[in-house]
Amino acid sequence: MAQQSEAQAQPEVARAQPVAPLVLPDVTNKAHPASPAEPNLGDNSPEAGDKKLEDVLPEINEVARKVGGFKKLADIADTLHGMGK
C-alpha cells in the first residue's frame, strides 16, 4: 500500500513569478519626417517653350474631358487665378 500512496502524490506545481509590465513611451525620440515639398507650379513664363506644352498637352486634354470641356476648364483656371491675387 505504500507504493500506492507514492503514486498518488502530486508533484508540486511550479508557479511563475509575475512579470513587471513594460511601459512604452507615447512619444518617439526621433524627429518627425519633413513634410513633402510643394510642387513647382512654374510662373507661366513664355520661356517654358513649346516642348513643355507638348509634354503636358495630353494631361490638359484629359482634365478638360473630366471637367466638361475646355470652356469649363478655362473658367476654372480663371477662378483659380483670381483667387491667387
N, C-alpha and C. Protein backbone atom coordinates (compact mmCIF):
# COMPACT_ATOMS: atom_id res chain seq x y z
N MET A 1 0.81 -1.20 0.00
CA MET A 1 0.00 0.00 0.00
C MET A 1 0.85 1.26 0.00
N ALA A 2 2.01 1.16 0.47
CA ALA A 2 2.90 2.30 0.50
C ALA A 2 3.22 2.76 -0.91
N GLN A 3 3.29 1.81 -1.84
CA GLN A 3 3.58 2.17 -3.22
C GLN A 3 2.41 2.95 -3.83
N GLN A 4 1.20 2.57 -3.43
CA GLN A 4 0.02 3.22 -3.98
C GLN A 4 -0.06 4.68 -3.54
N SER A 5 0.28 5.00 -2.33
CA SER A 5 0.22 6.38 -1.86
C SER A 5 1.31 7.22 -2.51
N GLU A 6 2.45 6.63 -2.85
CA GLU A 6 3.51 7.38 -3.54
C GLU A 6 3.07 7.72 -4.95
N ALA A 7 2.35 6.82 -5.60
CA ALA A 7 1.90 7.04 -6.96
C ALA A 7 0.85 8.14 -7.02
N GLN A 8 0.06 8.27 -5.98
CA GLN A 8 -0.98 9.28 -5.96
C GLN A 8 -0.47 10.66 -5.58
N ALA A 9 0.71 10.74 -5.06
CA ALA A 9 1.25 12.03 -4.64
C ALA A 9 1.48 12.89 -5.88
N GLN A 10 0.97 14.08 -5.85
CA GLN A 10 1.10 15.01 -6.98
C GLN A 10 2.37 15.83 -6.79
N PRO A 11 3.11 16.03 -7.89
CA PRO A 11 4.28 16.91 -7.76
C PRO A 11 3.80 18.35 -7.54
N GLU A 12 4.61 19.10 -6.89
CA GLU A 12 4.25 20.49 -6.60
C GLU A 12 4.29 21.30 -7.91
N VAL A 13 3.27 22.10 -8.13
CA VAL A 13 3.17 22.89 -9.35
C VAL A 13 4.10 24.09 -9.22
N ALA A 14 4.93 24.27 -10.26
CA ALA A 14 5.83 25.43 -10.26
C ALA A 14 5.02 26.65 -10.66
N ARG A 15 5.11 27.67 -9.89
CA ARG A 15 4.37 28.90 -10.17
C ARG A 15 5.35 29.94 -10.73
N ALA A 16 4.99 30.50 -11.86
CA ALA A 16 5.84 31.51 -12.48
C ALA A 16 5.75 32.81 -11.69
N GLN A 17 6.87 33.46 -11.60
CA GLN A 17 6.90 34.75 -10.92
C GLN A 17 6.21 35.78 -11.81
N PRO A 18 5.43 36.68 -11.26
CA PRO A 18 4.78 37.71 -12.09
C PRO A 18 5.83 38.60 -12.76
N VAL A 19 5.55 38.93 -13.97
CA VAL A 19 6.45 39.78 -14.75
C VAL A 19 5.98 41.21 -14.63
N ALA A 20 6.91 42.11 -14.40
CA ALA A 20 6.56 43.52 -14.29
C ALA A 20 6.13 44.02 -15.68
N PRO A 21 5.08 44.85 -15.76
CA PRO A 21 4.64 45.35 -17.06
C PRO A 21 5.70 46.24 -17.69
N LEU A 22 5.76 46.18 -19.00
CA LEU A 22 6.70 47.01 -19.76
C LEU A 22 5.99 48.29 -20.16
N VAL A 23 6.55 49.42 -19.79
CA VAL A 23 5.95 50.71 -20.10
C VAL A 23 6.68 51.29 -21.30
N LEU A 24 5.92 51.57 -22.36
CA LEU A 24 6.49 52.16 -23.57
C LEU A 24 6.14 53.64 -23.62
N PRO A 25 7.07 54.47 -24.08
CA PRO A 25 6.77 55.90 -24.16
C PRO A 25 5.76 56.18 -25.27
N ASP A 26 4.95 57.20 -25.06
CA ASP A 26 3.97 57.60 -26.07
C ASP A 26 4.60 58.40 -27.19
N VAL A 27 5.73 58.98 -26.95
CA VAL A 27 6.36 59.87 -27.91
C VAL A 27 7.71 59.30 -28.30
N THR A 28 7.99 59.33 -29.58
CA THR A 28 9.28 58.85 -30.05
C THR A 28 10.35 59.91 -29.81
N ASN A 29 11.57 59.47 -29.72
CA ASN A 29 12.65 60.43 -29.53
C ASN A 29 13.29 60.80 -30.86
N LYS A 30 12.71 60.31 -31.97
CA LYS A 30 13.21 60.65 -33.30
C LYS A 30 12.38 61.79 -33.87
N ALA A 31 12.99 62.58 -34.73
CA ALA A 31 12.29 63.70 -35.35
C ALA A 31 11.25 63.19 -36.34
N HIS A 32 10.17 63.93 -36.49
CA HIS A 32 9.16 63.60 -37.47
C HIS A 32 9.72 63.84 -38.86
N PRO A 33 9.29 63.05 -39.85
CA PRO A 33 9.79 63.29 -41.21
C PRO A 33 9.31 64.64 -41.71
N ALA A 34 10.12 65.24 -42.54
CA ALA A 34 9.77 66.55 -43.10
C ALA A 34 8.55 66.41 -44.00
N SER A 35 7.75 67.45 -44.05
CA SER A 35 6.59 67.42 -44.93
C SER A 35 7.05 67.46 -46.38
N PRO A 36 6.26 66.89 -47.27
CA PRO A 36 6.68 66.89 -48.68
C PRO A 36 6.79 68.30 -49.22
N ALA A 37 7.71 68.49 -50.12
CA ALA A 37 7.94 69.82 -50.70
C ALA A 37 6.77 70.19 -51.60
N GLU A 38 6.48 71.46 -51.64
CA GLU A 38 5.42 71.97 -52.52
C GLU A 38 5.84 71.72 -53.97
N PRO A 39 4.92 71.29 -54.81
CA PRO A 39 5.29 71.09 -56.21
C PRO A 39 5.59 72.42 -56.88
N ASN A 40 6.53 72.41 -57.78
CA ASN A 40 6.90 73.62 -58.50
C ASN A 40 5.89 73.82 -59.63
N LEU A 41 5.01 74.79 -59.47
CA LEU A 41 3.96 75.01 -60.44
C LEU A 41 4.39 75.94 -61.57
N GLY A 42 5.55 76.52 -61.48
CA GLY A 42 6.02 77.40 -62.53
C GLY A 42 5.43 78.79 -62.41
N ASP A 43 5.92 79.67 -63.26
CA ASP A 43 5.46 81.06 -63.21
C ASP A 43 4.74 81.48 -64.49
N ASN A 44 4.35 80.50 -65.31
CA ASN A 44 3.65 80.78 -66.58
C ASN A 44 4.46 81.68 -67.51
N SER A 45 5.76 81.61 -67.41
CA SER A 45 6.59 82.46 -68.26
C SER A 45 6.69 81.87 -69.65
N PRO A 46 6.86 82.72 -70.66
CA PRO A 46 6.96 82.23 -72.03
C PRO A 46 8.24 81.42 -72.26
N GLU A 47 9.19 81.48 -71.35
CA GLU A 47 10.43 80.74 -71.52
C GLU A 47 10.23 79.23 -71.42
N ALA A 48 9.03 78.82 -71.00
CA ALA A 48 8.78 77.39 -70.86
C ALA A 48 8.91 76.70 -72.21
N GLY A 49 8.55 77.37 -73.28
CA GLY A 49 8.77 76.85 -74.63
C GLY A 49 7.70 75.88 -75.08
N ASP A 50 7.76 75.59 -76.38
CA ASP A 50 6.77 74.70 -76.99
C ASP A 50 6.92 73.26 -76.51
N LYS A 51 8.12 72.85 -76.23
CA LYS A 51 8.34 71.47 -75.79
C LYS A 51 7.57 71.18 -74.50
N LYS A 52 7.57 72.11 -73.58
CA LYS A 52 6.84 71.91 -72.32
C LYS A 52 5.35 71.76 -72.60
N LEU A 53 4.80 72.57 -73.49
CA LEU A 53 3.39 72.48 -73.83
C LEU A 53 3.08 71.12 -74.44
N GLU A 54 3.94 70.64 -75.31
CA GLU A 54 3.74 69.33 -75.92
C GLU A 54 3.76 68.23 -74.87
N ASP A 55 4.56 68.40 -73.84
CA ASP A 55 4.66 67.40 -72.78
C ASP A 55 3.37 67.32 -71.96
N VAL A 56 2.73 68.45 -71.72
CA VAL A 56 1.56 68.46 -70.83
C VAL A 56 0.23 68.47 -71.57
N LEU A 57 0.26 68.65 -72.88
CA LEU A 57 -0.99 68.72 -73.64
C LEU A 57 -1.89 67.50 -73.45
N PRO A 58 -1.37 66.28 -73.45
CA PRO A 58 -2.25 65.14 -73.20
C PRO A 58 -2.95 65.21 -71.83
N GLU A 59 -2.23 65.68 -70.83
CA GLU A 59 -2.83 65.81 -69.50
C GLU A 59 -3.90 66.90 -69.48
N ILE A 60 -3.65 68.00 -70.20
CA ILE A 60 -4.64 69.08 -70.28
C ILE A 60 -5.90 68.58 -70.96
N ASN A 61 -5.73 67.83 -72.04
CA ASN A 61 -6.90 67.26 -72.74
C ASN A 61 -7.70 66.35 -71.82
N GLU A 62 -7.02 65.53 -71.03
CA GLU A 62 -7.71 64.62 -70.12
C GLU A 62 -8.47 65.38 -69.04
N VAL A 63 -7.85 66.42 -68.48
CA VAL A 63 -8.52 67.21 -67.45
C VAL A 63 -9.73 67.94 -68.04
N ALA A 64 -9.57 68.48 -69.25
CA ALA A 64 -10.69 69.17 -69.90
C ALA A 64 -11.85 68.21 -70.11
N ARG A 65 -11.56 66.99 -70.50
CA ARG A 65 -12.60 65.99 -70.70
C ARG A 65 -13.30 65.68 -69.37
N LYS A 66 -12.53 65.62 -68.27
CA LYS A 66 -13.10 65.29 -66.97
C LYS A 66 -14.00 66.39 -66.44
N VAL A 67 -13.68 67.66 -66.73
CA VAL A 67 -14.47 68.77 -66.17
C VAL A 67 -15.58 69.24 -67.10
N GLY A 68 -15.65 68.69 -68.31
CA GLY A 68 -16.75 69.06 -69.21
C GLY A 68 -16.34 69.93 -70.36
N GLY A 69 -15.09 69.98 -70.71
CA GLY A 69 -14.65 70.73 -71.88
C GLY A 69 -13.66 71.83 -71.55
N PHE A 70 -13.10 72.39 -72.63
CA PHE A 70 -12.07 73.42 -72.46
C PHE A 70 -12.65 74.72 -71.92
N LYS A 71 -13.89 75.03 -72.27
CA LYS A 71 -14.51 76.26 -71.75
C LYS A 71 -14.64 76.18 -70.23
N LYS A 72 -15.10 75.03 -69.74
CA LYS A 72 -15.24 74.84 -68.30
C LYS A 72 -13.86 74.87 -67.63
N LEU A 73 -12.87 74.25 -68.27
CA LEU A 73 -11.50 74.27 -67.73
C LEU A 73 -10.97 75.70 -67.68
N ALA A 74 -11.26 76.49 -68.72
CA ALA A 74 -10.83 77.89 -68.74
C ALA A 74 -11.49 78.68 -67.61
N ASP A 75 -12.78 78.42 -67.37
CA ASP A 75 -13.48 79.09 -66.27
C ASP A 75 -12.85 78.73 -64.92
N ILE A 76 -12.50 77.45 -64.76
CA ILE A 76 -11.85 77.01 -63.52
C ILE A 76 -10.50 77.70 -63.36
N ALA A 77 -9.74 77.77 -64.46
CA ALA A 77 -8.43 78.41 -64.41
C ALA A 77 -8.56 79.89 -64.05
N ASP A 78 -9.56 80.57 -64.64
CA ASP A 78 -9.78 81.99 -64.31
C ASP A 78 -10.15 82.16 -62.84
N THR A 79 -10.99 81.28 -62.34
CA THR A 79 -11.38 81.35 -60.93
C THR A 79 -10.17 81.16 -60.03
N LEU A 80 -9.36 80.17 -60.34
CA LEU A 80 -8.17 79.92 -59.53
C LEU A 80 -7.16 81.07 -59.64
N HIS A 81 -7.05 81.63 -60.81
CA HIS A 81 -6.13 82.77 -60.99
C HIS A 81 -6.61 83.96 -60.18
N GLY A 82 -7.92 84.19 -60.15
CA GLY A 82 -8.48 85.29 -59.37
C GLY A 82 -8.29 85.10 -57.88
N MET A 83 -8.29 83.86 -57.42
CA MET A 83 -8.09 83.58 -56.00
C MET A 83 -6.65 83.84 -55.57
N GLY A 84 -5.73 83.75 -56.53
CA GLY A 84 -4.32 83.93 -56.20
C GLY A 84 -3.92 85.38 -56.04
N LYS A 85 -4.76 86.31 -56.42
CA LYS A 85 -4.39 87.73 -56.35
C LYS A 85 -4.60 88.28 -54.97
